[in-house]
Amino acid sequence: MTGLGGNMHDIAAYPSPPIGGLNPCAVVRNMKLDRAFGRAVKDRRLDAGLTQAAFAELLGMQSSAIGRLERGIVSPSLDMVDRVATALGVTPSLLLQEAEAHLQRVTTSPTVPQRRKADGHNRQ
């Protein structure tokens, strides 16, 4: 029996079992997208000269909620994306494009070299 890749042992031919009903790759991408969206919001908020507290007041939220949004701890609903974009004076699509640009920079960045131990040897 062969998988999609033509070889029964080809791991790419068999999707990973879901974790809690979700594909692990999708979960990781969503987490990265949440962080990228948060970064786009923070950049726009800072460009507008708004503190988290002032921005939260515009949205009728608590500043701690803005902090969680900007750190990518929460996944915003479409309604929240619209509210945030409107408060920042941009369209939701522009804000999402900026988030996607952040995501592309993160996923195409070179890897960070390992830190050296005090004796000068790399950990393997």
C-alpha atoms as a PDB file:
ATOM      1  CA  MET A   1       0.000   0.000   0.000  1.00  0.00           C
ATOM      2  CA  THR A   2       1.358   3.399  -0.899  1.00  0.00           C
ATOM      3  CA  GLY A   3       0.575   6.817   0.503  1.00  0.00           C
ATOM      4  CA  LEU A   4       0.192  10.099  -1.311  1.00  0.00           C
ATOM      5  CA  GLY A   5       3.924  10.312  -1.865  1.00  0.00           C
ATOM      6  CA  GLY A   6       4.028   6.890  -3.499  1.00  0.00           C
ATOM      7  CA  ASN A   7       6.115   5.352  -0.718  1.00  0.00           C
ATOM      8  CA  MET A   8       4.495   3.707   2.253  1.00  0.00           C
ATOM      9  CA  HIS A   9       7.272   5.003   4.506  1.00  0.00           C
ATOM     10  CA  ASP A  10       7.017   8.598   3.312  1.00  0.00           C
ATOM     11  CA  ILE A  11       6.052  10.501   6.482  1.00  0.00           C
ATOM     12  CA  ALA A  12       4.673  13.426   4.461  1.00  0.00           C
ATOM     13  CA  ALA A  13       2.088  11.090   3.001  1.00  0.00           C
ATOM     14  CA  TYR A  14       0.445  10.566   6.375  1.00  0.00           C
ATOM     15  CA  PRO A  15      -0.854  13.628   8.200  1.00  0.00           C
ATOM     16  CA  SER A  16      -0.072  13.847  11.894  1.00  0.00           C
ATOM     17  CA  PRO A  17      -2.857  12.706  14.175  1.00  0.00           C
ATOM     18  CA  PRO A  18      -4.851  15.640  15.481  1.00  0.00           C
ATOM     19  CA  ILE A  19      -4.243  16.992  18.961  1.00  0.00           C
ATOM     20  CA  GLY A  20      -7.562  17.890  20.517  1.00  0.00           C
ATOM     21  CA  GLY A  21      -9.095  17.716  17.053  1.00  0.00           C
ATOM     22  CA  LEU A  22      -6.542  20.105  15.512  1.00  0.00           C
ATOM     23  CA  ASN A  23      -3.571  19.411  13.271  1.00  0.00           C
ATOM     24  CA  PRO A  24      -0.395  20.360  15.214  1.00  0.00           C
ATOM     25  CA  CYS A  25       1.005  22.234  12.209  1.00  0.00           C
ATOM     26  CA  ALA A  26      -2.150  24.351  12.054  1.00  0.00           C
ATOM     27  CA  VAL A  27      -1.936  25.059  15.788  1.00  0.00           C
ATOM     28  CA  VAL A  28       1.666  26.267  15.497  1.00  0.00           C
ATOM     29  CA  ARG A  29       0.833  28.432  12.476  1.00  0.00           C
ATOM     30  CA  ASN A  30      -2.146  29.943  14.306  1.00  0.00           C
ATOM     31  CA  MET A  31       0.040  30.727  17.325  1.00  0.00           C
ATOM     32  CA  LYS A  32       2.579  32.426  15.057  1.00  0.00           C
ATOM     33  CA  LEU A  33      -0.175  34.290  13.245  1.00  0.00           C
ATOM     34  CA  ASP A  34      -1.630  35.476  16.569  1.00  0.00           C
ATOM     35  CA  ARG A  35       1.800  36.849  17.532  1.00  0.00           C
ATOM     36  CA  ALA A  36       2.255  38.438  14.098  1.00  0.00           C
ATOM     37  CA  PHE A  37      -1.181  40.062  14.310  1.00  0.00           C
ATOM     38  CA  GLY A  38      -0.356  41.332  17.785  1.00  0.00           C
ATOM     39  CA  ARG A  39       2.898  42.794  16.495  1.00  0.00           C
ATOM     40  CA  ALA A  40       1.066  44.575  13.666  1.00  0.00           C
ATOM     41  CA  VAL A  41      -1.427  46.010  16.167  1.00  0.00           C
ATOM     42  CA  LYS A  42       1.343  47.148  18.510  1.00  0.00           C
ATOM     43  CA  ASP A  43       3.289  48.787  15.665  1.00  0.00           C
ATOM     44  CA  ARG A  44       0.181  50.649  14.502  1.00  0.00           C
ATOM     45  CA  ARG A  45      -0.734  51.644  18.073  1.00  0.00           C
ATOM     46  CA  LEU A  46       2.752  53.016  18.728  1.00  0.00           C
ATOM     47  CA  ASP A  47       2.768  54.841  15.361  1.00  0.00           C
ATOM     48  CA  ALA A  48      -0.503  56.473  16.433  1.00  0.00           C
ATOM     49  CA  GLY A  49       1.139  57.561  19.697  1.00  0.00           C
ATOM     50  CA  LEU A  50      -1.314  55.617  21.830  1.00  0.00           C
ATOM     51  CA  THR A  51      -0.573  53.897  25.093  1.00  0.00           C
ATOM     52  CA  GLN A  52      -2.156  50.527  25.753  1.00  0.00           C
ATOM     53  CA  ALA A  53      -4.452  52.243  28.254  1.00  0.00           C
ATOM     54  CA  ALA A  54      -5.578  54.901  25.757  1.00  0.00           C
ATOM     55  CA  PHE A  55      -6.069  52.310  23.015  1.00  0.00           C
ATOM     56  CA  ALA A  56      -8.016  50.076  25.389  1.00  0.00           C
ATOM     57  CA  GLU A  57     -10.265  53.000  26.274  1.00  0.00           C
ATOM     58  CA  LEU A  58     -10.992  53.618  22.573  1.00  0.00           C
ATOM     59  CA  LEU A  59     -12.052  49.988  22.258  1.00  0.00           C
ATOM     60  CA  GLY A  60     -13.928  49.835  25.569  1.00  0.00           C
ATOM     61  CA  MET A  61     -11.535  47.173  26.847  1.00  0.00           C
ATOM     62  CA  GLN A  62      -9.060  46.803  29.664  1.00  0.00           C
ATOM     63  CA  SER A  63      -5.404  47.527  28.917  1.00  0.00           C
ATOM     64  CA  SER A  64      -4.466  44.008  30.042  1.00  0.00           C
ATOM     65  CA  ALA A  65      -6.619  42.661  27.184  1.00  0.00           C
ATOM     66  CA  ILE A  66      -4.672  44.817  24.727  1.00  0.00           C
ATOM     67  CA  GLY A  67      -1.431  43.437  26.167  1.00  0.00           C
ATOM     68  CA  ARG A  68      -2.642  39.864  25.656  1.00  0.00           C
ATOM     69  CA  LEU A  69      -3.709  40.697  22.096  1.00  0.00           C
ATOM     70  CA  GLU A  70      -0.355  42.307  21.278  1.00  0.00           C
ATOM     71  CA  ARG A  71       1.598  39.366  22.723  1.00  0.00           C
ATOM     72  CA  GLY A  72      -0.449  36.898  20.683  1.00  0.00           C
ATOM     73  CA  ILE A  73      -1.885  35.170  23.725  1.00  0.00           C
ATOM     74  CA  VAL A  74      -5.427  35.458  22.392  1.00  0.00           C
ATOM     75  CA  SER A  75      -6.857  34.837  18.925  1.00  0.00           C
ATOM     76  CA  PRO A  76      -9.034  37.785  17.953  1.00  0.00           C
ATOM     77  CA  SER A  77     -12.450  37.215  16.436  1.00  0.00           C
ATOM     78  CA  LEU A  78     -13.266  38.795  13.092  1.00  0.00           C
ATOM     79  CA  ASP A  79     -15.333  41.367  14.970  1.00  0.00           C
ATOM     80  CA  MET A  80     -12.316  42.224  17.129  1.00  0.00           C
ATOM     81  CA  VAL A  81     -10.050  42.505  14.068  1.00  0.00           C
ATOM     82  CA  ASP A  82     -12.554  44.962  12.604  1.00  0.00           C
ATOM     83  CA  ARG A  83     -12.856  46.970  15.842  1.00  0.00           C
ATOM     84  CA  VAL A  84      -9.077  47.156  16.299  1.00  0.00           C
ATOM     85  CA  ALA A  85      -8.468  48.169  12.682  1.00  0.00           C
ATOM     86  CA  THR A  86     -11.173  50.831  12.831  1.00  0.00           C
ATOM     87  CA  ALA A  87      -9.728  52.258  16.058  1.00  0.00           C
ATOM     88  CA  LEU A  88      -6.315  52.392  14.373  1.00  0.00           C
ATOM     89  CA  GLY A  89      -7.749  54.108  11.292  1.00  0.00           C
ATOM     90  CA  VAL A  90      -6.958  51.282   8.864  1.00  0.00           C
ATOM     91  CA  THR A  91      -8.935  48.557   7.136  1.00  0.00           C
ATOM     92  CA  PRO A  92      -9.002  45.057   8.583  1.00  0.00           C
ATOM     93  CA  SER A  93      -7.418  43.760   5.369  1.00  0.00           C
ATOM     94  CA  LEU A  94      -4.461  46.139   5.720  1.00  0.00           C
ATOM     95  CA  LEU A  95      -3.930  45.099   9.327  1.00  0.00           C
ATOM     96  CA  LEU A  96      -4.044  41.427   8.325  1.00  0.00           C
ATOM     97  CA  GLN A  97      -1.619  42.079   5.457  1.00  0.00           C
ATOM     98  CA  GLU A  98       0.794  43.660   7.930  1.00  0.00           C
ATOM     99  CA  ALA A  99       0.401  40.642  10.205  1.00  0.00           C
ATOM    100  CA  GLU A 100       1.143  38.346   7.266  1.00  0.00           C
ATOM    101  CA  ALA A 101       4.253  40.410   6.475  1.00  0.00           C
ATOM    102  CA  HIS A 102       5.419  39.977  10.093  1.00  0.00           C
ATOM    103  CA  LEU A 103       4.724  36.256   9.819  1.00  0.00           C
ATOM    104  CA  GLN A 104       6.773  36.024   6.614  1.00  0.00           C
ATOM    105  CA  ARG A 105       9.723  37.794   8.256  1.00  0.00           C
ATOM    106  CA  VAL A 106       9.601  35.390  11.197  1.00  0.00           C
ATOM    107  CA  THR A 107       9.349  32.238   9.097  1.00  0.00           C
ATOM    108  CA  THR A 108      12.077  33.278   6.638  1.00  0.00           C
ATOM    109  CA  SER A 109      14.548  34.629   9.208  1.00  0.00           C
ATOM    110  CA  PRO A 110      17.811  32.732   9.540  1.00  0.00           C
ATOM    111  CA  THR A 111      18.027  30.578  12.617  1.00  0.00           C
ATOM    112  CA  VAL A 112      19.764  31.961  15.647  1.00  0.00           C
ATOM    113  CA  PRO A 113      23.094  30.232  16.342  1.00  0.00           C
ATOM    114  CA  GLN A 114      23.361  28.252  19.548  1.00  0.00           C
ATOM    115  CA  ARG A 115      24.907  29.941  22.548  1.00  0.00           C
ATOM    116  CA  ARG A 116      28.347  28.775  23.501  1.00  0.00           C
ATOM    117  CA  LYS A 117      29.027  27.266  26.867  1.00  0.00           C
ATOM    118  CA  ALA A 118      31.609  28.930  29.093  1.00  0.00           C
ATOM    119  CA  ASP A 119      34.252  26.469  27.893  1.00  0.00           C
ATOM    120  CA  GLY A 120      33.663  27.529  24.271  1.00  0.00           C
ATOM    121  CA  HIS A 121      32.048  24.300  23.070  1.00  0.00           C
ATOM    122  CA  ASN A 122      28.635  24.099  21.457  1.00  0.00           C
ATOM    123  CA  ARG A 123      26.047  21.827  22.993  1.00  0.00           C
ATOM    124  CA  GLN A 124      24.980  19.105  20.634  1.00  0.00           C
END
